[in-house]
Amino acid sequence: MDIQETIDSLRKVLESVIAPGVESLRLRLDTLEKDLRENGQSIDRLDGRVDHLSIRMDHLAERMDDGFARLDARIDTLGSGINTRLDTLTSAILNMRQPTYPDAVLTRLETLEREIEKLRKPA
C-alpha cells in the first residue's frame, strides 16, 4: 500500500465518522436558528404590546390630571361658598345682637358664634 492509498483510506474513515456528526450539528443549528427567529418575533410582539400599553397609560394619566384639576376647582368653589355662607350667618348674628334681647338669646347667639368660629378654623 502506498501513501496515497493510505491517505484515501484515512479520508474515507474520517468522512464516515465525521459526516454524521456534522449533519447532526447542522440540524441542531437549524433548530436553534428557527427558535431564535420565533423568539425574536415573540419579543417584537411583546415590545409592541408594551408600547401600546405605555401610550394608554400616558393617556390615562392625562385624563386623571384633568379630572383632578376639575375636582380641585370644585373644592375651591365649595370652600368659597361655605365661607360666604358663614360670613352671612355671622353678619346676621351680629345684626341680631342687641342689648334689648333677653340674656338667654344673647347666650345662645354667643354659643352659636363660637361654634361658627370653630368651623372657620382649619382642621
PDB file of N, CA and C in Angstrom:
ATOM      1  N   MET A   1       0.836  -1.146   0.000  1.00  0.00           N
ATOM      2  CA  MET A   1       0.000   0.000   0.000  1.00  0.00           C
ATOM      3  C   MET A   1       0.898   1.231   0.000  1.00  0.00           C
ATOM      4  N   ASP A   2       0.551   2.097  -0.873  1.00  0.00           N
ATOM      5  CA  ASP A   2       1.380   3.289  -0.922  1.00  0.00           C
ATOM      6  C   ASP A   2       0.738   4.412  -0.094  1.00  0.00           C
ATOM      7  N   ILE A   3       1.394   5.503  -0.071  1.00  0.00           N
ATOM      8  CA  ILE A   3       0.978   6.606   0.796  1.00  0.00           C
ATOM      9  C   ILE A   3      -0.365   7.172   0.342  1.00  0.00           C
ATOM     10  N   GLN A   4      -0.601   7.282  -0.944  1.00  0.00           N
ATOM     11  CA  GLN A   4      -1.858   7.830  -1.458  1.00  0.00           C
ATOM     12  C   GLN A   4      -3.021   6.955  -1.036  1.00  0.00           C
ATOM     13  N   GLU A   5      -2.866   5.644  -1.120  1.00  0.00           N
ATOM     14  CA  GLU A   5      -3.938   4.738  -0.709  1.00  0.00           C
ATOM     15  C   GLU A   5      -4.212   4.885   0.784  1.00  0.00           C
ATOM     16  N   THR A   6      -3.175   5.054   1.551  1.00  0.00           N
ATOM     17  CA  THR A   6      -3.342   5.230   2.996  1.00  0.00           C
ATOM     18  C   THR A   6      -4.103   6.526   3.283  1.00  0.00           C
ATOM     19  N   ILE A   7      -3.728   7.565   2.575  1.00  0.00           N
ATOM     20  CA  ILE A   7      -4.412   8.855   2.757  1.00  0.00           C
ATOM     21  C   ILE A   7      -5.875   8.725   2.360  1.00  0.00           C
ATOM     22  N   ASP A   8      -6.149   8.064   1.219  1.00  0.00           N
ATOM     23  CA  ASP A   8      -7.537   7.889   0.768  1.00  0.00           C
ATOM     24  C   ASP A   8      -8.335   7.062   1.764  1.00  0.00           C
ATOM     25  N   SER A   9      -7.731   6.036   2.273  1.00  0.00           N
ATOM     26  CA  SER A   9      -8.420   5.172   3.226  1.00  0.00           C
ATOM     27  C   SER A   9      -8.701   5.922   4.527  1.00  0.00           C
ATOM     28  N   LEU A  10      -7.739   6.703   4.992  1.00  0.00           N
ATOM     29  CA  LEU A  10      -7.964   7.512   6.198  1.00  0.00           C
ATOM     30  C   LEU A  10      -9.051   8.564   5.963  1.00  0.00           C
ATOM     31  N   ARG A  11      -9.055   9.143   4.768  1.00  0.00           N
ATOM     32  CA  ARG A  11     -10.077  10.137   4.427  1.00  0.00           C
ATOM     33  C   ARG A  11     -11.467   9.508   4.488  1.00  0.00           C
ATOM     34  N   LYS A  12     -11.622   8.290   3.927  1.00  0.00           N
ATOM     35  CA  LYS A  12     -12.920   7.606   3.943  1.00  0.00           C
ATOM     36  C   LYS A  12     -13.357   7.301   5.368  1.00  0.00           C
ATOM     37  N   VAL A  13     -12.419   6.871   6.184  1.00  0.00           N
ATOM     38  CA  VAL A  13     -12.755   6.563   7.582  1.00  0.00           C
ATOM     39  C   VAL A  13     -13.185   7.837   8.308  1.00  0.00           C
ATOM     40  N   LEU A  14     -12.423   8.911   8.112  1.00  0.00           N
ATOM     41  CA  LEU A  14     -12.763  10.176   8.763  1.00  0.00           C
ATOM     42  C   LEU A  14     -14.116  10.707   8.288  1.00  0.00           C
ATOM     43  N   GLU A  15     -14.363  10.621   6.977  1.00  0.00           N
ATOM     44  CA  GLU A  15     -15.643  11.094   6.447  1.00  0.00           C
ATOM     45  C   GLU A  15     -16.794  10.277   7.002  1.00  0.00           C
ATOM     46  N   SER A  16     -16.594   8.972   7.127  1.00  0.00           N
ATOM     47  CA  SER A  16     -17.679   8.135   7.649  1.00  0.00           C
ATOM     48  C   SER A  16     -17.930   8.412   9.127  1.00  0.00           C
ATOM     49  N   VAL A  17     -16.908   8.834   9.844  1.00  0.00           N
ATOM     50  CA  VAL A  17     -17.069   9.143  11.268  1.00  0.00           C
ATOM     51  C   VAL A  17     -17.555  10.584  11.460  1.00  0.00           C
ATOM     52  N   ILE A  18     -17.005  11.517  10.696  1.00  0.00           N
ATOM     53  CA  ILE A  18     -17.299  12.936  10.889  1.00  0.00           C
ATOM     54  C   ILE A  18     -18.630  13.338  10.245  1.00  0.00           C
ATOM     55  N   ALA A  19     -18.966  12.798   9.100  1.00  0.00           N
ATOM     56  CA  ALA A  19     -20.160  13.222   8.356  1.00  0.00           C
ATOM     57  C   ALA A  19     -21.435  13.150   9.194  1.00  0.00           C
ATOM     58  N   PRO A  20     -21.734  12.066   9.909  1.00  0.00           N
ATOM     59  CA  PRO A  20     -22.960  12.048  10.717  1.00  0.00           C
ATOM     60  C   PRO A  20     -22.943  13.118  11.823  1.00  0.00           C
ATOM     61  N   GLY A  21     -21.787  13.344  12.404  1.00  0.00           N
ATOM     62  CA  GLY A  21     -21.687  14.377  13.443  1.00  0.00           C
ATOM     63  C   GLY A  21     -21.928  15.762  12.884  1.00  0.00           C
ATOM     64  N   VAL A  22     -21.374  16.015  11.693  1.00  0.00           N
ATOM     65  CA  VAL A  22     -21.565  17.315  11.046  1.00  0.00           C
ATOM     66  C   VAL A  22     -23.040  17.515  10.705  1.00  0.00           C
ATOM     67  N   GLU A  23     -23.669  16.483  10.182  1.00  0.00           N
ATOM     68  CA  GLU A  23     -25.096  16.578   9.830  1.00  0.00           C
ATOM     69  C   GLU A  23     -25.939  16.831  11.082  1.00  0.00           C
ATOM     70  N   SER A  24     -25.603  16.140  12.152  1.00  0.00           N
ATOM     71  CA  SER A  24     -26.312  16.337  13.418  1.00  0.00           C
ATOM     72  C   SER A  24     -26.137  17.777  13.913  1.00  0.00           C
ATOM     73  N   LEU A  25     -24.930  18.299  13.797  1.00  0.00           N
ATOM     74  CA  LEU A  25     -24.679  19.685  14.194  1.00  0.00           C
ATOM     75  C   LEU A  25     -25.460  20.666  13.327  1.00  0.00           C
ATOM     76  N   ARG A  26     -25.521  20.377  12.013  1.00  0.00           N
ATOM     77  CA  ARG A  26     -26.298  21.244  11.112  1.00  0.00           C
ATOM     78  C   ARG A  26     -27.769  21.270  11.529  1.00  0.00           C
ATOM     79  N   LEU A  27     -28.330  20.101  11.830  1.00  0.00           N
ATOM     80  CA  LEU A  27     -29.734  20.027  12.247  1.00  0.00           C
ATOM     81  C   LEU A  27     -29.964  20.802  13.551  1.00  0.00           C
ATOM     82  N   ARG A  28     -29.036  20.647  14.471  1.00  0.00           N
ATOM     83  CA  ARG A  28     -29.159  21.382  15.731  1.00  0.00           C
ATOM     84  C   ARG A  28     -29.093  22.888  15.502  1.00  0.00           C
ATOM     85  N   LEU A  29     -28.160  23.313  14.674  1.00  0.00           N
ATOM     86  CA  LEU A  29     -28.042  24.741  14.366  1.00  0.00           C
ATOM     87  C   LEU A  29     -29.295  25.273  13.684  1.00  0.00           C
ATOM     88  N   ASP A  30     -29.863  24.492  12.760  1.00  0.00           N
ATOM     89  CA  ASP A  30     -31.101  24.911  12.097  1.00  0.00           C
ATOM     90  C   ASP A  30     -32.229  25.066  13.113  1.00  0.00           C
ATOM     91  N   THR A  31     -32.320  24.121  14.040  1.00  0.00           N
ATOM     92  CA  THR A  31     -33.360  24.187  15.074  1.00  0.00           C
ATOM     93  C   THR A  31     -33.165  25.410  15.961  1.00  0.00           C
ATOM     94  N   LEU A  32     -31.928  25.647  16.373  1.00  0.00           N
ATOM     95  CA  LEU A  32     -31.643  26.824  17.201  1.00  0.00           C
ATOM     96  C   LEU A  32     -31.951  28.119  16.465  1.00  0.00           C
ATOM     97  N   GLU A  33     -31.595  28.158  15.188  1.00  0.00           N
ATOM     98  CA  GLU A  33     -31.861  29.355  14.386  1.00  0.00           C
ATOM     99  C   GLU A  33     -33.364  29.607  14.279  1.00  0.00           C
ATOM    100  N   LYS A  34     -34.130  28.545  14.084  1.00  0.00           N
ATOM    101  CA  LYS A  34     -35.588  28.666  13.990  1.00  0.00           C
ATOM    102  C   LYS A  34     -36.159  29.157  15.323  1.00  0.00           C
ATOM    103  N   ASP A  35     -35.678  28.584  16.434  1.00  0.00           N
ATOM    104  CA  ASP A  35     -36.145  29.017  17.753  1.00  0.00           C
ATOM    105  C   ASP A  35     -35.830  30.490  17.996  1.00  0.00           C
ATOM    106  N   LEU A  36     -34.631  30.902  17.607  1.00  0.00           N
ATOM    107  CA  LEU A  36     -34.251  32.307  17.778  1.00  0.00           C
ATOM    108  C   LEU A  36     -35.155  33.233  16.975  1.00  0.00           C
ATOM    109  N   ARG A  37     -35.485  32.840  15.742  1.00  0.00           N
ATOM    110  CA  ARG A  37     -36.388  33.655  14.918  1.00  0.00           C
ATOM    111  C   ARG A  37     -37.757  33.760  15.581  1.00  0.00           C
ATOM    112  N   GLU A  38     -38.288  32.617  16.044  1.00  0.00           N
ATOM    113  CA  GLU A  38     -39.614  32.624  16.669  1.00  0.00           C
ATOM    114  C   GLU A  38     -39.607  33.446  17.956  1.00  0.00           C
ATOM    115  N   ASN A  39     -38.550  33.277  18.757  1.00  0.00           N
ATOM    116  CA  ASN A  39     -38.458  34.056  19.998  1.00  0.00           C
ATOM    117  C   ASN A  39     -38.307  35.541  19.699  1.00  0.00           C
ATOM    118  N   GLY A  40     -37.559  35.856  18.668  1.00  0.00           N
ATOM    119  CA  GLY A  40     -37.408  37.257  18.276  1.00  0.00           C
ATOM    120  C   GLY A  40     -38.740  37.861  17.870  1.00  0.00           C
ATOM    121  N   GLN A  41     -39.551  37.084  17.144  1.00  0.00           N
ATOM    122  CA  GLN A  41     -40.873  37.574  16.750  1.00  0.00           C
ATOM    123  C   GLN A  41     -41.758  37.748  17.979  1.00  0.00           C
ATOM    124  N   SER A  42     -41.670  36.807  18.922  1.00  0.00           N
ATOM    125  CA  SER A  42     -42.456  36.934  20.150  1.00  0.00           C
ATOM    126  C   SER A  42     -42.043  38.180  20.923  1.00  0.00           C
ATOM    127  N   ILE A  43     -40.742  38.420  20.990  1.00  0.00           N
ATOM    128  CA  ILE A  43     -40.249  39.609  21.694  1.00  0.00           C
ATOM    129  C   ILE A  43     -40.721  40.873  20.981  1.00  0.00           C
ATOM    130  N   ASP A  44     -40.713  40.852  19.651  1.00  0.00           N
ATOM    131  CA  ASP A  44     -41.194  42.016  18.900  1.00  0.00           C
ATOM    132  C   ASP A  44     -42.673  42.270  19.188  1.00  0.00           C
ATOM    133  N   ARG A  45     -43.474  41.182  19.249  1.00  0.00           N
ATOM    134  CA  ARG A  45     -44.900  41.342  19.560  1.00  0.00           C
ATOM    135  C   ARG A  45     -45.081  41.905  20.969  1.00  0.00           C
ATOM    136  N   LEU A  46     -44.319  41.376  21.925  1.00  0.00           N
ATOM    137  CA  LEU A  46     -44.413  41.879  23.292  1.00  0.00           C
ATOM    138  C   LEU A  46     -43.978  43.338  23.368  1.00  0.00           C
ATOM    139  N   ASP A  47     -42.959  43.681  22.630  1.00  0.00           N
ATOM    140  CA  ASP A  47     -42.485  45.059  22.602  1.00  0.00           C
ATOM    141  C   ASP A  47     -43.584  45.985  22.084  1.00  0.00           C
ATOM    142  N   GLY A  48     -44.277  45.540  21.050  1.00  0.00           N
ATOM    143  CA  GLY A  48     -45.390  46.323  20.516  1.00  0.00           C
ATOM    144  C   GLY A  48     -46.506  46.484  21.536  1.00  0.00           C
ATOM    145  N   ARG A  49     -46.791  45.413  22.263  1.00  0.00           N
ATOM    146  CA  ARG A  49     -47.839  45.483  23.281  1.00  0.00           C
ATOM    147  C   ARG A  49     -47.447  46.431  24.410  1.00  0.00           C
ATOM    148  N   VAL A  50     -46.184  46.384  24.809  1.00  0.00           N
ATOM    149  CA  VAL A  50     -45.707  47.282  25.865  1.00  0.00           C
ATOM    150  C   VAL A  50     -45.806  48.733  25.396  1.00  0.00           C
ATOM    151  N   ASP A  51     -45.448  48.996  24.152  1.00  0.00           N
ATOM    152  CA  ASP A  51     -45.570  50.361  23.615  1.00  0.00           C
ATOM    153  C   ASP A  51     -47.023  50.822  23.637  1.00  0.00           C
ATOM    154  N   HIS A  52     -47.925  49.935  23.210  1.00  0.00           N
ATOM    155  CA  HIS A  52     -49.351  50.265  23.203  1.00  0.00           C
ATOM    156  C   HIS A  52     -49.843  50.547  24.629  1.00  0.00           C
ATOM    157  N   LEU A  53     -49.418  49.716  25.572  1.00  0.00           N
ATOM    158  CA  LEU A  53     -49.807  49.911  26.964  1.00  0.00           C
ATOM    159  C   LEU A  53     -49.252  51.224  27.510  1.00  0.00           C
ATOM    160  N   SER A  54     -48.039  51.569  27.144  1.00  0.00           N
ATOM    161  CA  SER A  54     -47.440  52.839  27.588  1.00  0.00           C
ATOM    162  C   SER A  54     -48.241  54.028  27.073  1.00  0.00           C
ATOM    163  N   ILE A  55     -48.668  53.950  25.833  1.00  0.00           N
ATOM    164  CA  ILE A  55     -49.478  55.032  25.250  1.00  0.00           C
ATOM    165  C   ILE A  55     -50.791  55.168  26.009  1.00  0.00           C
ATOM    166  N   ARG A  56     -51.420  54.028  26.295  1.00  0.00           N
ATOM    167  CA  ARG A  56     -52.689  54.061  27.028  1.00  0.00           C
ATOM    168  C   ARG A  56     -52.502  54.620  28.437  1.00  0.00           C
ATOM    169  N   MET A  57     -51.397  54.243  29.089  1.00  0.00           N
ATOM    170  CA  MET A  57     -51.124  54.742  30.441  1.00  0.00           C
ATOM    171  C   MET A  57     -50.899  56.259  30.416  1.00  0.00           C
ATOM    172  N   ASP A  58     -50.180  56.748  29.405  1.00  0.00           N
ATOM    173  CA  ASP A  58     -49.961  58.190  29.281  1.00  0.00           C
ATOM    174  C   ASP A  58     -51.285  58.917  29.091  1.00  0.00           C
ATOM    175  N   HIS A  59     -52.156  58.345  28.247  1.00  0.00           N
ATOM    176  CA  HIS A  59     -53.469  58.946  28.009  1.00  0.00           C
ATOM    177  C   HIS A  59     -54.286  58.955  29.305  1.00  0.00           C
ATOM    178  N   LEU A  60     -54.243  57.855  30.040  1.00  0.00           N
ATOM    179  CA  LEU A  60     -54.969  57.771  31.305  1.00  0.00           C
ATOM    180  C   LEU A  60     -54.439  58.797  32.306  1.00  0.00           C
ATOM    181  N   ALA A  61     -53.129  58.959  32.361  1.00  0.00           N
ATOM    182  CA  ALA A  61     -52.534  59.936  33.284  1.00  0.00           C
ATOM    183  C   ALA A  61     -52.998  61.351  32.943  1.00  0.00           C
ATOM    184  N   GLU A  62     -53.077  61.667  31.651  1.00  0.00           N
ATOM    185  CA  GLU A  62     -53.559  62.990  31.236  1.00  0.00           C
ATOM    186  C   GLU A  62     -55.010  63.197  31.665  1.00  0.00           C
ATOM    187  N   ARG A  63     -55.834  62.173  31.443  1.00  0.00           N
ATOM    188  CA  ARG A  63     -57.247  62.284  31.822  1.00  0.00           C
ATOM    189  C   ARG A  63     -57.399  62.433  33.333  1.00  0.00           C
ATOM    190  N   MET A  64     -56.580  61.695  34.088  1.00  0.00           N
ATOM    191  CA  MET A  64     -56.654  61.801  35.545  1.00  0.00           C
ATOM    192  C   MET A  64     -56.219  63.190  36.008  1.00  0.00           C
ATOM    193  N   ASP A  65     -55.180  63.735  35.392  1.00  0.00           N
ATOM    194  CA  ASP A  65     -54.744  65.089  35.742  1.00  0.00           C
ATOM    195  C   ASP A  65     -55.856  66.101  35.480  1.00  0.00           C
ATOM    196  N   ASP A  66     -56.523  65.955  34.335  1.00  0.00           N
ATOM    197  CA  ASP A  66     -57.637  66.850  34.018  1.00  0.00           C
ATOM    198  C   ASP A  66     -58.755  66.706  35.048  1.00  0.00           C
ATOM    199  N   GLY A  67     -59.075  65.465  35.396  1.00  0.00           N
ATOM    200  CA  GLY A  67     -60.129  65.217  36.382  1.00  0.00           C
ATOM    201  C   GLY A  67     -59.782  65.796  37.744  1.00  0.00           C
ATOM    202  N   PHE A  68     -58.528  65.614  38.161  1.00  0.00           N
ATOM    203  CA  PHE A  68     -58.114  66.170  39.446  1.00  0.00           C
ATOM    204  C   PHE A  68     -58.159  67.695  39.425  1.00  0.00           C
ATOM    205  N   ALA A  69     -57.798  68.290  38.315  1.00  0.00           N
ATOM    206  CA  ALA A  69     -57.852  69.752  38.208  1.00  0.00           C
ATOM    207  C   ALA A  69     -59.298  70.237  38.345  1.00  0.00           C
ATOM    208  N   ARG A  70     -60.237  69.521  37.690  1.00  0.00           N
ATOM    209  CA  ARG A  70     -61.649  69.900  37.808  1.00  0.00           C
ATOM    210  C   ARG A  70     -62.133  69.744  39.248  1.00  0.00           C
ATOM    211  N   LEU A  71     -61.722  68.649  39.900  1.00  0.00           N
ATOM    212  CA  LEU A  71     -62.128  68.444  41.291  1.00  0.00           C
ATOM    213  C   LEU A  71     -61.549  69.518  42.206  1.00  0.00           C
ATOM    214  N   ASP A  72     -60.304  69.891  41.971  1.00  0.00           N
ATOM    215  CA  ASP A  72     -59.705  70.965  42.771  1.00  0.00           C
ATOM    216  C   ASP A  72     -60.500  72.260  42.614  1.00  0.00           C
ATOM    217  N   ALA A  73     -60.912  72.556  41.392  1.00  0.00           N
ATOM    218  CA  ALA A  73     -61.695  73.771  41.147  1.00  0.00           C
ATOM    219  C   ALA A  73     -63.038  73.694  41.876  1.00  0.00           C
ATOM    220  N   ARG A  74     -63.673  72.518  41.827  1.00  0.00           N
ATOM    221  CA  ARG A  74     -64.962  72.362  42.520  1.00  0.00           C
ATOM    222  C   ARG A  74     -64.796  72.502  44.028  1.00  0.00           C
ATOM    223  N   ILE A  75     -63.726  71.913  44.565  1.00  0.00           N
ATOM    224  CA  ILE A  75     -63.482  72.016  46.006  1.00  0.00           C
ATOM    225  C   ILE A  75     -63.258  73.475  46.394  1.00  0.00           C
ATOM    226  N   ASP A  76     -62.492  74.199  45.581  1.00  0.00           N
ATOM    227  CA  ASP A  76     -62.266  75.623  45.858  1.00  0.00           C
ATOM    228  C   ASP A  76     -63.581  76.399  45.824  1.00  0.00           C
ATOM    229  N   THR A  77     -64.429  76.090  44.847  1.00  0.00           N
ATOM    230  CA  THR A  77     -65.730  76.758  44.737  1.00  0.00           C
ATOM    231  C   THR A  77     -66.595  76.455  45.952  1.00  0.00           C
ATOM    232  N   LEU A  78     -66.617  75.170  46.348  1.00  0.00           N
ATOM    233  CA  LEU A  78     -67.405  74.802  47.528  1.00  0.00           C
ATOM    234  C   LEU A  78     -66.875  75.494  48.782  1.00  0.00           C
ATOM    235  N   GLY A  79     -65.554  75.542  48.921  1.00  0.00           N
ATOM    236  CA  GLY A  79     -64.964  76.222  50.081  1.00  0.00           C
ATOM    237  C   GLY A  79     -65.332  77.694  50.109  1.00  0.00           C
ATOM    238  N   SER A  80     -65.294  78.337  48.951  1.00  0.00           N
ATOM    239  CA  SER A  80     -65.670  79.755  48.876  1.00  0.00           C
ATOM    240  C   SER A  80     -67.136  79.940  49.246  1.00  0.00           C
ATOM    241  N   GLY A  81     -67.980  79.030  48.748  1.00  0.00           N
ATOM    242  CA  GLY A  81     -69.408  79.114  49.071  1.00  0.00           C
ATOM    243  C   GLY A  81     -69.666  78.937  50.558  1.00  0.00           C
ATOM    244  N   ILE A  82     -68.964  77.994  51.160  1.00  0.00           N
ATOM    245  CA  ILE A  82     -69.133  77.773  52.601  1.00  0.00           C
ATOM    246  C   ILE A  82     -68.673  78.996  53.381  1.00  0.00           C
ATOM    247  N   ASN A  83     -67.533  79.551  53.002  1.00  0.00           N
ATOM    248  CA  ASN A  83     -67.040  80.750  53.695  1.00  0.00           C
ATOM    249  C   ASN A  83     -68.003  81.918  53.537  1.00  0.00           C
ATOM    250  N   THR A  84     -68.590  82.069  52.353  1.00  0.00           N
ATOM    251  CA  THR A  84     -69.560  83.145  52.123  1.00  0.00           C
ATOM    252  C   THR A  84     -70.777  82.958  53.018  1.00  0.00           C
ATOM    253  N   ARG A  85     -71.253  81.720  53.103  1.00  0.00           N
ATOM    254  CA  ARG A  85     -72.422  81.448  53.955  1.00  0.00           C
ATOM    255  C   ARG A  85     -72.101  81.691  55.426  1.00  0.00           C
ATOM    256  N   LEU A  86     -70.897  81.304  55.849  1.00  0.00           N
ATOM    257  CA  LEU A  86     -70.509  81.562  57.235  1.00  0.00           C
ATOM    258  C   LEU A  86     -70.434  83.058  57.509  1.00  0.00           C
ATOM    259  N   ASP A  87     -69.909  83.810  56.546  1.00  0.00           N
ATOM    260  CA  ASP A  87     -69.844  85.268  56.709  1.00  0.00           C
ATOM    261  C   ASP A  87     -71.243  85.861  56.814  1.00  0.00           C
ATOM    262  N   THR A  88     -72.153  85.385  55.982  1.00  0.00           N
ATOM    263  CA  THR A  88     -73.535  85.875  56.007  1.00  0.00           C
ATOM    264  C   THR A  88     -74.192  85.547  57.341  1.00  0.00           C
ATOM    265  N   LEU A  89     -73.987  84.326  57.807  1.00  0.00           N
ATOM    266  CA  LEU A  89     -74.574  83.902  59.073  1.00  0.00           C
ATOM    267  C   LEU A  89     -73.997  84.705  60.239  1.00  0.00           C
ATOM    268  N   THR A  90     -72.697  84.902  60.214  1.00  0.00           N
ATOM    269  CA  THR A  90     -72.058  85.694  61.269  1.00  0.00           C
ATOM    270  C   THR A  90     -72.590  87.123  61.258  1.00  0.00           C
ATOM    271  N   SER A  91     -72.731  87.670  60.075  1.00  0.00           N
ATOM    272  CA  SER A  91     -73.267  89.025  59.949  1.00  0.00           C
ATOM    273  C   SER A  91     -74.690  89.093  60.494  1.00  0.00           C
ATOM    274  N   ALA A  92     -75.490  88.084  60.184  1.00  0.00           N
ATOM    275  CA  ALA A  92     -76.871  88.060  60.686  1.00  0.00           C
ATOM    276  C   ALA A  92     -76.884  87.972  62.207  1.00  0.00           C
ATOM    277  N   ILE A  93     -75.997  87.152  62.758  1.00  0.00           N
ATOM    278  CA  ILE A  93     -75.936  87.024  64.220  1.00  0.00           C
ATOM    279  C   ILE A  93     -75.537  88.353  64.850  1.00  0.00           C
ATOM    280  N   LEU A  94     -74.544  89.007  64.258  1.00  0.00           N
ATOM    281  CA  LEU A  94     -74.097  90.287  64.807  1.00  0.00           C
ATOM    282  C   LEU A  94     -75.182  91.356  64.694  1.00  0.00           C
ATOM    283  N   ASN A  95     -75.959  91.306  63.621  1.00  0.00           N
ATOM    284  CA  ASN A  95     -77.045  92.278  63.467  1.00  0.00           C
ATOM    285  C   ASN A  95     -78.164  92.021  64.465  1.00  0.00           C
ATOM    286  N   MET A  96     -78.368  90.743  64.804  1.00  0.00           N
ATOM    287  CA  MET A  96     -79.437  90.402  65.746  1.00  0.00           C
ATOM    288  C   MET A  96     -79.043  90.708  67.187  1.00  0.00           C
ATOM    289  N   ARG A  97     -77.783  90.841  67.416  1.00  0.00           N
ATOM    290  CA  ARG A  97     -77.287  91.067  68.781  1.00  0.00           C
ATOM    291  C   ARG A  97     -77.565  92.503  69.207  1.00  0.00           C
ATOM    292  N   GLN A  98     -78.518  92.624  70.012  1.00  0.00           N
ATOM    293  CA  GLN A  98     -78.822  93.958  70.534  1.00  0.00           C
ATOM    294  C   GLN A  98     -79.019  93.828  72.042  1.00  0.00           C
ATOM    295  N   PRO A  99     -78.699  94.849  72.760  1.00  0.00           N
ATOM    296  CA  PRO A  99     -78.820  94.759  74.212  1.00  0.00           C
ATOM    297  C   PRO A  99     -80.259  94.605  74.695  1.00  0.00           C
ATOM    298  N   THR A 100     -81.236  94.852  73.841  1.00  0.00           N
ATOM    299  CA  THR A 100     -82.625  94.754  74.280  1.00  0.00           C
ATOM    300  C   THR A 100     -83.110  93.314  74.368  1.00  0.00           C
ATOM    301  N   TYR A 101     -82.392  92.362  73.740  1.00  0.00           N
ATOM    302  CA  TYR A 101     -82.827  90.964  73.811  1.00  0.00           C
ATOM    303  C   TYR A 101     -82.544  90.406  75.197  1.00  0.00           C
ATOM    304  N   PRO A 102     -83.328  89.454  75.591  1.00  0.00           N
ATOM    305  CA  PRO A 102     -83.080  88.840  76.908  1.00  0.00           C
ATOM    306  C   PRO A 102     -81.726  88.129  76.932  1.00  0.00           C
ATOM    307  N   ASP A 103     -81.224  87.902  78.108  1.00  0.00           N
ATOM    308  CA  ASP A 103     -79.915  87.271  78.287  1.00  0.00           C
ATOM    309  C   ASP A 103     -79.851  85.878  77.671  1.00  0.00           C
ATOM    310  N   ALA A 104     -80.898  85.126  77.687  1.00  0.00           N
ATOM    311  CA  ALA A 104     -80.895  83.760  77.134  1.00  0.00           C
ATOM    312  C   ALA A 104     -80.621  83.785  75.637  1.00  0.00           C
ATOM    313  N   VAL A 105     -81.209  84.745  74.935  1.00  0.00           N
ATOM    314  CA  VAL A 105     -80.990  84.849  73.494  1.00  0.00           C
ATOM    315  C   VAL A 105     -79.545  85.240  73.220  1.00  0.00           C
ATOM    316  N   LEU A 106     -79.023  86.170  73.996  1.00  0.00           N
ATOM    317  CA  LEU A 106     -77.629  86.574  73.818  1.00  0.00           C
ATOM    318  C   LEU A 106     -76.678  85.411  74.085  1.00  0.00           C
ATOM    319  N   THR A 107     -76.971  84.638  75.084  1.00  0.00           N
ATOM    320  CA  THR A 107     -76.127  83.476  75.393  1.00  0.00           C
ATOM    321  C   THR A 107     -76.154  82.485  74.242  1.00  0.00           C
ATOM    322  N   ARG A 108     -77.350  82.244  73.713  1.00  0.00           N
ATOM    323  CA  ARG A 108     -77.459  81.322  72.569  1.00  0.00           C
ATOM    324  C   ARG A 108     -76.706  81.857  71.360  1.00  0.00           C
ATOM    325  N   LEU A 109     -76.803  83.136  71.112  1.00  0.00           N
ATOM    326  CA  LEU A 109     -76.091  83.733  69.986  1.00  0.00           C
ATOM    327  C   LEU A 109     -74.584  83.649  70.177  1.00  0.00           C
ATOM    328  N   GLU A 110     -74.116  83.869  71.386  1.00  0.00           N
ATOM    329  CA  GLU A 110     -72.680  83.758  71.650  1.00  0.00           C
ATOM    330  C   GLU A 110     -72.193  82.324  71.440  1.00  0.00           C
ATOM    331  N   THR A 111     -72.998  81.368  71.884  1.00  0.00           N
ATOM    332  CA  THR A 111     -72.639  79.956  71.681  1.00  0.00           C
ATOM    333  C   THR A 111     -72.579  79.636  70.197  1.00  0.00           C
ATOM    334  N   LEU A 112     -73.567  80.113  69.466  1.00  0.00           N
ATOM    335  CA  LEU A 112     -73.592  79.885  68.019  1.00  0.00           C
ATOM    336  C   LEU A 112     -72.393  80.547  67.344  1.00  0.00           C
ATOM    337  N   GLU A 113     -72.053  81.723  67.795  1.00  0.00           N
ATOM    338  CA  GLU A 113     -70.896  82.423  67.229  1.00  0.00           C
ATOM    339  C   GLU A 113     -69.604  81.635  67.479  1.00  0.00           C
ATOM    340  N   ARG A 114     -69.435  81.093  68.678  1.00  0.00           N
ATOM    341  CA  ARG A 114     -68.243  80.284  68.969  1.00  0.00           C
ATOM    342  C   ARG A 114     -68.194  79.038  68.083  1.00  0.00           C
ATOM    343  N   GLU A 115     -69.332  78.405  67.883  1.00  0.00           N
ATOM    344  CA  GLU A 115     -69.373  77.218  67.019  1.00  0.00           C
ATOM    345  C   GLU A 115     -68.995  77.575  65.582  1.00  0.00           C
ATOM    346  N   ILE A 116     -69.446  78.711  65.124  1.00  0.00           N
ATOM    347  CA  ILE A 116     -69.098  79.145  63.764  1.00  0.00           C
ATOM    348  C   ILE A 116     -67.605  79.414  63.671  1.00  0.00           C
ATOM    349  N   GLU A 117     -67.046  80.044  64.682  1.00  0.00           N
ATOM    350  CA  GLU A 117     -65.603  80.302  64.679  1.00  0.00           C
ATOM    351  C   GLU A 117     -64.816  78.991  64.660  1.00  0.00           C
ATOM    352  N   LYS A 118     -65.310  77.988  65.364  1.00  0.00           N
ATOM    353  CA  LYS A 118     -64.649  76.673  65.330  1.00  0.00           C
ATOM    354  C   LYS A 118     -64.690  76.093  63.928  1.00  0.00           C
ATOM    355  N   LEU A 119     -65.817  76.282  63.239  1.00  0.00           N
ATOM    356  CA  LEU A 119     -65.943  75.779  61.869  1.00  0.00           C
ATOM    357  C   LEU A 119     -64.982  76.497  60.928  1.00  0.00           C
ATOM    358  N   ARG A 120     -64.727  77.766  61.184  1.00  0.00           N
ATOM    359  CA  ARG A 120     -63.837  78.530  60.312  1.00  0.00           C
ATOM    360  C   ARG A 120     -62.379  78.118  60.449  1.00  0.00           C
ATOM    361  N   LYS A 121     -62.021  77.651  61.618  1.00  0.00           N
ATOM    362  CA  LYS A 121     -60.623  77.271  61.842  1.00  0.00           C
ATOM    363  C   LYS A 121     -60.311  76.029  61.029  1.00  0.00           C
ATOM    364  N   PRO A 122     -59.160  76.048  60.318  1.00  0.00           N
ATOM    365  CA  PRO A 122     -58.792  74.852  59.527  1.00  0.00           C
ATOM    366  C   PRO A 122     -58.514  73.681  60.461  1.00  0.00           C
ATOM    367  N   ALA A 123     -58.902  72.498  59.957  1.00  0.00           N
ATOM    368  CA  ALA A 123     -58.737  71.296  60.786  1.00  0.00           C
ATOM    369  C   ALA A 123     -57.307  70.870  60.880  1.00  0.00           C
TER     370      ALA A 123
END
